[in-house]
Amino acid sequence: MRVAGEIDHPFMKITIFKMDNKLSVKFETGLFEQIYKFRTGENLESPEDIKKMVDQEFINQVENQFILMNKSKFDALNRYAPVEEDNFPVII
């Protein structure tokens, strides 16, 4: 797999990969990443086609998925190791 291009974005790293008859686009932010894979021939033949497909609507959906992923992570952490409140004596 080789890097075939990048898409500029203010807070996500968006990388396009090409391998044999497949194109992939990876979105990264913080500790999370999403990868979407496509076979060439699905009206996608080149990195330029991926750049056209990754429009604002696609990016908005990816951002929403990142929000859900973050929530899932913190919900799981809270179930596994709930945050305990500090029990300090009341000082008057």
PDB file of N, CA and C in Angstrom:
ATOM      1  N   MET A   1       0.851  -1.165   0.000  1.00  0.00           N
ATOM      2  CA  MET A   1       0.000   0.000   0.000  1.00  0.00           C
ATOM      3  C   MET A   1       0.901   1.233   0.000  1.00  0.00           C
ATOM      4  N   ARG A   2       0.570   2.175  -0.846  1.00  0.00           N
ATOM      5  CA  ARG A   2       1.372   3.398  -0.899  1.00  0.00           C
ATOM      6  C   ARG A   2       0.468   4.620  -0.787  1.00  0.00           C
ATOM      7  N   VAL A   3       1.041   5.682  -0.255  1.00  0.00           N
ATOM      8  CA  VAL A   3       0.299   6.937  -0.141  1.00  0.00           C
ATOM      9  C   VAL A   3       0.136   7.510  -1.546  1.00  0.00           C
ATOM     10  N   ALA A   4      -1.111   7.795  -1.900  1.00  0.00           N
ATOM     11  CA  ALA A   4      -1.409   8.312  -3.233  1.00  0.00           C
ATOM     12  C   ALA A   4      -1.821   9.776  -3.203  1.00  0.00           C
ATOM     13  N   GLY A   5      -2.051  10.312  -2.003  1.00  0.00           N
ATOM     14  CA  GLY A   5      -2.432  11.713  -1.908  1.00  0.00           C
ATOM     15  C   GLY A   5      -2.964  12.056  -0.538  1.00  0.00           C
ATOM     16  N   GLU A   6      -3.202  13.328  -0.344  1.00  0.00           N
ATOM     17  CA  GLU A   6      -3.771  13.834   0.904  1.00  0.00           C
ATOM     18  C   GLU A   6      -4.837  14.864   0.575  1.00  0.00           C
ATOM     19  N   ILE A   7      -5.743  15.035   1.523  1.00  0.00           N
ATOM     20  CA  ILE A   7      -6.786  16.054   1.398  1.00  0.00           C
ATOM     21  C   ILE A   7      -6.617  17.005   2.571  1.00  0.00           C
ATOM     22  N   ASP A   8      -6.504  18.288   2.278  1.00  0.00           N
ATOM     23  CA  ASP A   8      -6.327  19.285   3.339  1.00  0.00           C
ATOM     24  C   ASP A   8      -7.590  19.411   4.175  1.00  0.00           C
ATOM     25  N   HIS A   9      -7.382  19.486   5.483  1.00  0.00           N
ATOM     26  CA  HIS A   9      -8.489  19.693   6.414  1.00  0.00           C
ATOM     27  C   HIS A   9      -7.915  20.359   7.655  1.00  0.00           C
ATOM     28  N   PRO A  10      -8.670  21.265   8.308  1.00  0.00           N
ATOM     29  CA  PRO A  10      -8.123  22.016   9.441  1.00  0.00           C
ATOM     30  C   PRO A  10      -7.766  21.177  10.670  1.00  0.00           C
ATOM     31  N   PHE A  11      -8.489  20.082  10.946  1.00  0.00           N
ATOM     32  CA  PHE A  11      -8.145  19.333  12.161  1.00  0.00           C
ATOM     33  C   PHE A  11      -8.067  17.823  11.973  1.00  0.00           C
ATOM     34  N   MET A  12      -8.352  17.326  10.784  1.00  0.00           N
ATOM     35  CA  MET A  12      -8.200  15.896  10.513  1.00  0.00           C
ATOM     36  C   MET A  12      -7.081  15.698   9.503  1.00  0.00           C
ATOM     37  N   LYS A  13      -6.364  14.600   9.671  1.00  0.00           N
ATOM     38  CA  LYS A  13      -5.414  14.201   8.640  1.00  0.00           C
ATOM     39  C   LYS A  13      -6.162  13.230   7.736  1.00  0.00           C
ATOM     40  N   ILE A  14      -6.215  13.542   6.445  1.00  0.00           N
ATOM     41  CA  ILE A  14      -6.929  12.707   5.484  1.00  0.00           C
ATOM     42  C   ILE A  14      -5.917  12.238   4.444  1.00  0.00           C
ATOM     43  N   THR A  15      -5.721  10.911   4.392  1.00  0.00           N
ATOM     44  CA  THR A  15      -4.722  10.323   3.511  1.00  0.00           C
ATOM     45  C   THR A  15      -5.390   9.335   2.564  1.00  0.00           C
ATOM     46  N   ILE A  16      -4.983   9.377   1.308  1.00  0.00           N
ATOM     47  CA  ILE A  16      -5.484   8.443   0.296  1.00  0.00           C
ATOM     48  C   ILE A  16      -4.385   7.424   0.009  1.00  0.00           C
ATOM     49  N   PHE A  17      -4.764   6.143   0.002  1.00  0.00           N
ATOM     50  CA  PHE A  17      -3.827   5.059  -0.271  1.00  0.00           C
ATOM     51  C   PHE A  17      -4.274   4.307  -1.517  1.00  0.00           C
ATOM     52  N   LYS A  18      -3.296   3.723  -2.214  1.00  0.00           N
ATOM     53  CA  LYS A  18      -3.592   2.889  -3.385  1.00  0.00           C
ATOM     54  C   LYS A  18      -2.820   1.587  -3.255  1.00  0.00           C
ATOM     55  N   MET A  19      -3.536   0.476  -3.505  1.00  0.00           N
ATOM     56  CA  MET A  19      -2.892  -0.830  -3.511  1.00  0.00           C
ATOM     57  C   MET A  19      -3.625  -1.705  -4.516  1.00  0.00           C
ATOM     58  N   ASP A  20      -2.901  -2.183  -5.508  1.00  0.00           N
ATOM     59  CA  ASP A  20      -3.476  -3.026  -6.558  1.00  0.00           C
ATOM     60  C   ASP A  20      -4.748  -2.386  -7.107  1.00  0.00           C
ATOM     61  N   ASN A  21      -5.881  -3.056  -6.939  1.00  0.00           N
ATOM     62  CA  ASN A  21      -7.142  -2.533  -7.483  1.00  0.00           C
ATOM     63  C   ASN A  21      -8.009  -1.903  -6.396  1.00  0.00           C
ATOM     64  N   LYS A  22      -7.372  -1.379  -5.349  1.00  0.00           N
ATOM     65  CA  LYS A  22      -8.122  -0.775  -4.246  1.00  0.00           C
ATOM     66  C   LYS A  22      -7.604   0.622  -3.947  1.00  0.00           C
ATOM     67  N   LEU A  23      -8.543   1.469  -3.547  1.00  0.00           N
ATOM     68  CA  LEU A  23      -8.230   2.797  -3.035  1.00  0.00           C
ATOM     69  C   LEU A  23      -8.805   2.885  -1.634  1.00  0.00           C
ATOM     70  N   SER A  24      -8.070   3.508  -0.729  1.00  0.00           N
ATOM     71  CA  SER A  24      -8.540   3.699   0.641  1.00  0.00           C
ATOM     72  C   SER A  24      -8.372   5.156   1.011  1.00  0.00           C
ATOM     73  N   VAL A  25      -9.258   5.619   1.871  1.00  0.00           N
ATOM     74  CA  VAL A  25      -9.109   6.964   2.423  1.00  0.00           C
ATOM     75  C   VAL A  25      -9.181   6.837   3.939  1.00  0.00           C
ATOM     76  N   LYS A  26      -8.156   7.380   4.611  1.00  0.00           N
ATOM     77  CA  LYS A  26      -8.063   7.281   6.068  1.00  0.00           C
ATOM     78  C   LYS A  26      -8.187   8.666   6.681  1.00  0.00           C
ATOM     79  N   PHE A  27      -9.054   8.750   7.689  1.00  0.00           N
ATOM     80  CA  PHE A  27      -9.275   9.983   8.441  1.00  0.00           C
ATOM     81  C   PHE A  27      -8.702   9.771   9.834  1.00  0.00           C
ATOM     82  N   GLU A  28      -7.874  10.697  10.297  1.00  0.00           N
ATOM     83  CA  GLU A  28      -7.271  10.579  11.622  1.00  0.00           C
ATOM     84  C   GLU A  28      -7.488  11.866  12.403  1.00  0.00           C
ATOM     85  N   THR A  29      -7.807  11.691  13.672  1.00  0.00           N
ATOM     86  CA  THR A  29      -7.895  12.821  14.587  1.00  0.00           C
ATOM     87  C   THR A  29      -7.623  12.304  15.986  1.00  0.00           C
ATOM     88  N   GLY A  30      -6.650  12.883  16.659  1.00  0.00           N
ATOM     89  CA  GLY A  30      -6.328  12.431  18.011  1.00  0.00           C
ATOM     90  C   GLY A  30      -6.009  10.951  18.036  1.00  0.00           C
ATOM     91  N   LEU A  31      -6.721  10.214  18.882  1.00  0.00           N
ATOM     92  CA  LEU A  31      -6.486   8.782  19.043  1.00  0.00           C
ATOM     93  C   LEU A  31      -7.399   7.925  18.172  1.00  0.00           C
ATOM     94  N   PHE A  32      -8.169   8.539  17.295  1.00  0.00           N
ATOM     95  CA  PHE A  32      -9.143   7.800  16.498  1.00  0.00           C
ATOM     96  C   PHE A  32      -8.800   7.867  15.017  1.00  0.00           C
ATOM     97  N   GLU A  33      -9.193   6.801  14.307  1.00  0.00           N
ATOM     98  CA  GLU A  33      -9.060   6.816  12.853  1.00  0.00           C
ATOM     99  C   GLU A  33     -10.191   6.002  12.233  1.00  0.00           C
ATOM    100  N   GLN A  34     -10.527   6.384  11.010  1.00  0.00           N
ATOM    101  CA  GLN A  34     -11.524   5.669  10.218  1.00  0.00           C
ATOM    102  C   GLN A  34     -10.922   5.442   8.838  1.00  0.00           C
ATOM    103  N   ILE A  35     -11.127   4.237   8.313  1.00  0.00           N
ATOM    104  CA  ILE A  35     -10.630   3.919   6.977  1.00  0.00           C
ATOM    105  C   ILE A  35     -11.796   3.411   6.133  1.00  0.00           C
ATOM    106  N   TYR A  36     -11.936   3.983   4.950  1.00  0.00           N
ATOM    107  CA  TYR A  36     -12.950   3.557   3.995  1.00  0.00           C
ATOM    108  C   TYR A  36     -12.222   3.001   2.776  1.00  0.00           C
ATOM    109  N   LYS A  37     -12.581   1.775   2.383  1.00  0.00           N
ATOM    110  CA  LYS A  37     -11.906   1.099   1.276  1.00  0.00           C
ATOM    111  C   LYS A  37     -12.857   0.933   0.097  1.00  0.00           C
ATOM    112  N   PHE A  38     -12.301   1.098  -1.096  1.00  0.00           N
ATOM    113  CA  PHE A  38     -13.085   1.009  -2.326  1.00  0.00           C
ATOM    114  C   PHE A  38     -12.310   0.216  -3.366  1.00  0.00           C
ATOM    115  N   ARG A  39     -13.030  -0.557  -4.150  1.00  0.00           N
ATOM    116  CA  ARG A  39     -12.418  -1.209  -5.307  1.00  0.00           C
ATOM    117  C   ARG A  39     -12.460  -0.231  -6.470  1.00  0.00           C
ATOM    118  N   THR A  40     -11.407  -0.216  -7.242  1.00  0.00           N
ATOM    119  CA  THR A  40     -11.462   0.610  -8.443  1.00  0.00           C
ATOM    120  C   THR A  40     -12.528   0.021  -9.355  1.00  0.00           C
ATOM    121  N   GLY A  41     -13.192   0.886 -10.055  1.00  0.00           N
ATOM    122  CA  GLY A  41     -14.291   0.447 -10.901  1.00  0.00           C
ATOM    123  C   GLY A  41     -15.636   0.837 -10.329  1.00  0.00           C
ATOM    124  N   GLU A  42     -15.679   1.218  -9.047  1.00  0.00           N
ATOM    125  CA  GLU A  42     -16.919   1.718  -8.440  1.00  0.00           C
ATOM    126  C   GLU A  42     -17.019   3.218  -8.725  1.00  0.00           C
ATOM    127  N   ASN A  43     -16.793   3.573  -9.995  1.00  0.00           N
ATOM    128  CA  ASN A  43     -16.681   4.967 -10.430  1.00  0.00           C
ATOM    129  C   ASN A  43     -15.525   5.679  -9.743  1.00  0.00           C
ATOM    130  N   LEU A  44     -14.614   4.907  -9.198  1.00  0.00           N
ATOM    131  CA  LEU A  44     -13.418   5.446  -8.554  1.00  0.00           C
ATOM    132  C   LEU A  44     -12.206   4.776  -9.183  1.00  0.00           C
ATOM    133  N   GLU A  45     -11.416   5.561  -9.881  1.00  0.00           N
ATOM    134  CA  GLU A  45     -10.239   5.008 -10.551  1.00  0.00           C
ATOM    135  C   GLU A  45      -8.940   5.624 -10.057  1.00  0.00           C
ATOM    136  N   SER A  46      -9.032   6.784  -9.407  1.00  0.00           N
ATOM    137  CA  SER A  46      -7.811   7.513  -9.070  1.00  0.00           C
ATOM    138  C   SER A  46      -7.983   8.273  -7.755  1.00  0.00           C
ATOM    139  N   PRO A  47      -6.864   8.734  -7.194  1.00  0.00           N
ATOM    140  CA  PRO A  47      -6.952   9.575  -5.991  1.00  0.00           C
ATOM    141  C   PRO A  47      -7.793  10.838  -6.223  1.00  0.00           C
ATOM    142  N   GLU A  48      -7.793  11.346  -7.443  1.00  0.00           N
ATOM    143  CA  GLU A  48      -8.604  12.531  -7.746  1.00  0.00           C
ATOM    144  C   GLU A  48     -10.093  12.222  -7.604  1.00  0.00           C
ATOM    145  N   ASP A  49     -10.489  10.993  -7.963  1.00  0.00           N
ATOM    146  CA  ASP A  49     -11.886  10.587  -7.789  1.00  0.00           C
ATOM    147  C   ASP A  49     -12.256  10.537  -6.309  1.00  0.00           C
ATOM    148  N   ILE A  50     -11.336  10.052  -5.481  1.00  0.00           N
ATOM    149  CA  ILE A  50     -11.575  10.020  -4.027  1.00  0.00           C
ATOM    150  C   ILE A  50     -11.735  11.445  -3.511  1.00  0.00           C
ATOM    151  N   LYS A  51     -10.871  12.354  -3.971  1.00  0.00           N
ATOM    152  CA  LYS A  51     -10.955  13.752  -3.529  1.00  0.00           C
ATOM    153  C   LYS A  51     -12.309  14.367  -3.884  1.00  0.00           C
ATOM    154  N   LYS A  52     -12.842  14.015  -5.040  1.00  0.00           N
ATOM    155  CA  LYS A  52     -14.162  14.524  -5.432  1.00  0.00           C
ATOM    156  C   LYS A  52     -15.266  13.917  -4.573  1.00  0.00           C
ATOM    157  N   MET A  53     -15.116  12.634  -4.241  1.00  0.00           N
ATOM    158  CA  MET A  53     -16.141  11.939  -3.465  1.00  0.00           C
ATOM    159  C   MET A  53     -16.186  12.437  -2.017  1.00  0.00           C
ATOM    160  N   VAL A  54     -15.015  12.772  -1.465  1.00  0.00           N
ATOM    161  CA  VAL A  54     -14.952  13.219  -0.069  1.00  0.00           C
ATOM    162  C   VAL A  54     -15.374  14.689  -0.023  1.00  0.00           C
ATOM    163  N   ASP A  55     -16.667  14.892  -0.131  1.00  0.00           N
ATOM    164  CA  ASP A  55     -17.227  16.240  -0.099  1.00  0.00           C
ATOM    165  C   ASP A  55     -17.578  16.624   1.345  1.00  0.00           C
ATOM    166  N   GLN A  56     -18.154  17.784   1.519  1.00  0.00           N
ATOM    167  CA  GLN A  56     -18.464  18.269   2.869  1.00  0.00           C
ATOM    168  C   GLN A  56     -19.437  17.351   3.592  1.00  0.00           C
ATOM    169  N   GLU A  57     -20.402  16.801   2.883  1.00  0.00           N
ATOM    170  CA  GLU A  57     -21.364  15.869   3.496  1.00  0.00           C
ATOM    171  C   GLU A  57     -20.647  14.625   4.029  1.00  0.00           C
ATOM    172  N   PHE A  58     -19.730  14.077   3.248  1.00  0.00           N
ATOM    173  CA  PHE A  58     -18.953  12.905   3.677  1.00  0.00           C
ATOM    174  C   PHE A  58     -18.146  13.256   4.926  1.00  0.00           C
ATOM    175  N   ILE A  59     -17.472  14.400   4.892  1.00  0.00           N
ATOM    176  CA  ILE A  59     -16.652  14.832   6.031  1.00  0.00           C
ATOM    177  C   ILE A  59     -17.520  15.045   7.268  1.00  0.00           C
ATOM    178  N   ASN A  60     -18.707  15.627   7.110  1.00  0.00           N
ATOM    179  CA  ASN A  60     -19.613  15.809   8.253  1.00  0.00           C
ATOM    180  C   ASN A  60     -19.986  14.472   8.874  1.00  0.00           C
ATOM    181  N   GLN A  61     -20.249  13.473   8.042  1.00  0.00           N
ATOM    182  CA  GLN A  61     -20.592  12.146   8.558  1.00  0.00           C
ATOM    183  C   GLN A  61     -19.408  11.509   9.278  1.00  0.00           C
ATOM    184  N   VAL A  62     -18.207  11.693   8.742  1.00  0.00           N
ATOM    185  CA  VAL A  62     -17.003  11.179   9.407  1.00  0.00           C
ATOM    186  C   VAL A  62     -16.833  11.857  10.768  1.00  0.00           C
ATOM    187  N   GLU A  63     -17.015  13.170  10.817  1.00  0.00           N
ATOM    188  CA  GLU A  63     -16.902  13.893  12.089  1.00  0.00           C
ATOM    189  C   GLU A  63     -17.919  13.374  13.098  1.00  0.00           C
ATOM    190  N   ASN A  64     -19.150  13.117  12.660  1.00  0.00           N
ATOM    191  CA  ASN A  64     -20.167  12.566  13.566  1.00  0.00           C
ATOM    192  C   ASN A  64     -19.762  11.195  14.085  1.00  0.00           C
ATOM    193  N   GLN A  65     -19.156  10.386  13.233  1.00  0.00           N
ATOM    194  CA  GLN A  65     -18.681   9.072  13.681  1.00  0.00           C
ATOM    195  C   GLN A  65     -17.576   9.218  14.724  1.00  0.00           C
ATOM    196  N   PHE A  66     -16.692  10.198  14.547  1.00  0.00           N
ATOM    197  CA  PHE A  66     -15.649  10.437  15.547  1.00  0.00           C
ATOM    198  C   PHE A  66     -16.264  10.818  16.893  1.00  0.00           C
ATOM    199  N   ILE A  67     -17.313  11.618  16.864  1.00  0.00           N
ATOM    200  CA  ILE A  67     -18.000  12.000  18.105  1.00  0.00           C
ATOM    201  C   ILE A  67     -18.576  10.763  18.780  1.00  0.00           C
ATOM    202  N   LEU A  68     -19.221   9.887  17.998  1.00  0.00           N
ATOM    203  CA  LEU A  68     -19.776   8.649  18.559  1.00  0.00           C
ATOM    204  C   LEU A  68     -18.681   7.722  19.080  1.00  0.00           C
ATOM    205  N   MET A  69     -17.570   7.646  18.362  1.00  0.00           N
ATOM    206  CA  MET A  69     -16.452   6.807  18.813  1.00  0.00           C
ATOM    207  C   MET A  69     -15.913   7.315  20.148  1.00  0.00           C
ATOM    208  N   ASN A  70     -15.773   8.623  20.270  1.00  0.00           N
ATOM    209  CA  ASN A  70     -15.277   9.211  21.510  1.00  0.00           C
ATOM    210  C   ASN A  70     -16.231   8.917  22.665  1.00  0.00           C
ATOM    211  N   LYS A  71     -17.529   9.046  22.415  1.00  0.00           N
ATOM    212  CA  LYS A  71     -18.525   8.751  23.447  1.00  0.00           C
ATOM    213  C   LYS A  71     -18.461   7.279  23.853  1.00  0.00           C
ATOM    214  N   SER A  72     -18.362   6.388  22.878  1.00  0.00           N
ATOM    215  CA  SER A  72     -18.268   4.952  23.176  1.00  0.00           C
ATOM    216  C   SER A  72     -17.047   4.648  24.031  1.00  0.00           C
ATOM    217  N   LYS A  73     -15.938   5.287  23.705  1.00  0.00           N
ATOM    218  CA  LYS A  73     -14.699   5.070  24.463  1.00  0.00           C
ATOM    219  C   LYS A  73     -14.878   5.499  25.913  1.00  0.00           C
ATOM    220  N   PHE A  74     -15.392   6.699  26.123  1.00  0.00           N
ATOM    221  CA  PHE A  74     -15.528   7.198  27.489  1.00  0.00           C
ATOM    222  C   PHE A  74     -16.606   6.457  28.264  1.00  0.00           C
ATOM    223  N   ASP A  75     -17.685   6.056  27.603  1.00  0.00           N
ATOM    224  CA  ASP A  75     -18.704   5.243  28.276  1.00  0.00           C
ATOM    225  C   ASP A  75     -18.104   3.919  28.746  1.00  0.00           C
ATOM    226  N   ALA A  76     -17.321   3.278  27.888  1.00  0.00           N
ATOM    227  CA  ALA A  76     -16.687   2.006  28.255  1.00  0.00           C
ATOM    228  C   ALA A  76     -15.697   2.206  29.398  1.00  0.00           C
ATOM    229  N   LEU A  77     -14.918   3.271  29.345  1.00  0.00           N
ATOM    230  CA  LEU A  77     -13.968   3.548  30.429  1.00  0.00           C
ATOM    231  C   LEU A  77     -14.691   3.786  31.744  1.00  0.00           C
ATOM    232  N   ASN A  78     -15.808   4.498  31.698  1.00  0.00           N
ATOM    233  CA  ASN A  78     -16.567   4.755  32.927  1.00  0.00           C
ATOM    234  C   ASN A  78     -17.187   3.487  33.491  1.00  0.00           C
ATOM    235  N   ARG A  79     -17.580   2.555  32.631  1.00  0.00           N
ATOM    236  CA  ARG A  79     -18.103   1.280  33.125  1.00  0.00           C
ATOM    237  C   ARG A  79     -16.983   0.438  33.734  1.00  0.00           C
ATOM    238  N   TYR A  80     -15.824   0.473  33.113  1.00  0.00           N
ATOM    239  CA  TYR A  80     -14.693  -0.333  33.557  1.00  0.00           C
ATOM    240  C   TYR A  80     -14.042   0.245  34.809  1.00  0.00           C
ATOM    241  N   ALA A  81     -13.816   1.528  34.811  1.00  0.00           N
ATOM    242  CA  ALA A  81     -13.144   2.187  35.931  1.00  0.00           C
ATOM    243  C   ALA A  81     -13.840   3.513  36.196  1.00  0.00           C
ATOM    244  N   PRO A  82     -14.993   3.466  36.890  1.00  0.00           N
ATOM    245  CA  PRO A  82     -15.734   4.706  37.132  1.00  0.00           C
ATOM    246  C   PRO A  82     -14.896   5.714  37.921  1.00  0.00           C
ATOM    247  N   VAL A  83     -15.116   6.956  37.603  1.00  0.00           N
ATOM    248  CA  VAL A  83     -14.423   8.031  38.310  1.00  0.00           C
ATOM    249  C   VAL A  83     -15.032   8.154  39.695  1.00  0.00           C
ATOM    250  N   GLU A  84     -14.170   8.054  40.694  1.00  0.00           N
ATOM    251  CA  GLU A  84     -14.652   8.184  42.071  1.00  0.00           C
ATOM    252  C   GLU A  84     -14.549   9.640  42.493  1.00  0.00           C
ATOM    253  N   GLU A  85     -15.569  10.081  43.173  1.00  0.00           N
ATOM    254  CA  GLU A  85     -15.538  11.457  43.654  1.00  0.00           C
ATOM    255  C   GLU A  85     -14.663  11.524  44.891  1.00  0.00           C
ATOM    256  N   ASP A  86     -13.952  12.629  45.007  1.00  0.00           N
ATOM    257  CA  ASP A  86     -13.108  12.831  46.184  1.00  0.00           C
ATOM    258  C   ASP A  86     -13.989  13.095  47.393  1.00  0.00           C
ATOM    259  N   ASN A  87     -13.703  12.431  48.472  1.00  0.00           N
ATOM    260  CA  ASN A  87     -14.454  12.621  49.715  1.00  0.00           C
ATOM    261  C   ASN A  87     -13.621  13.461  50.679  1.00  0.00           C
ATOM    262  N   PHE A  88     -13.813  14.743  50.583  1.00  0.00           N
ATOM    263  CA  PHE A  88     -13.115  15.650  51.476  1.00  0.00           C
ATOM    264  C   PHE A  88     -14.043  16.020  52.628  1.00  0.00           C
ATOM    265  N   PRO A  89     -13.477  16.217  53.802  1.00  0.00           N
ATOM    266  CA  PRO A  89     -14.326  16.652  54.917  1.00  0.00           C
ATOM    267  C   PRO A  89     -14.858  18.061  54.651  1.00  0.00           C
ATOM    268  N   VAL A  90     -16.057  18.312  55.135  1.00  0.00           N
ATOM    269  CA  VAL A  90     -16.669  19.627  54.983  1.00  0.00           C
ATOM    270  C   VAL A  90     -16.020  20.564  55.987  1.00  0.00           C
ATOM    271  N   ILE A  91     -15.514  21.661  55.492  1.00  0.00           N
ATOM    272  CA  ILE A  91     -14.890  22.665  56.358  1.00  0.00           C
ATOM    273  C   ILE A  91     -15.783  23.890  56.349  1.00  0.00           C
ATOM    274  N   ILE A  92     -16.146  24.308  57.545  1.00  0.00           N
ATOM    275  CA  ILE A  92     -17.037  25.462  57.656  1.00  0.00           C
ATOM    276  C   ILE A  92     -16.253  26.674  58.064  1.00  0.00           C
TER     277      ILE A  92
END
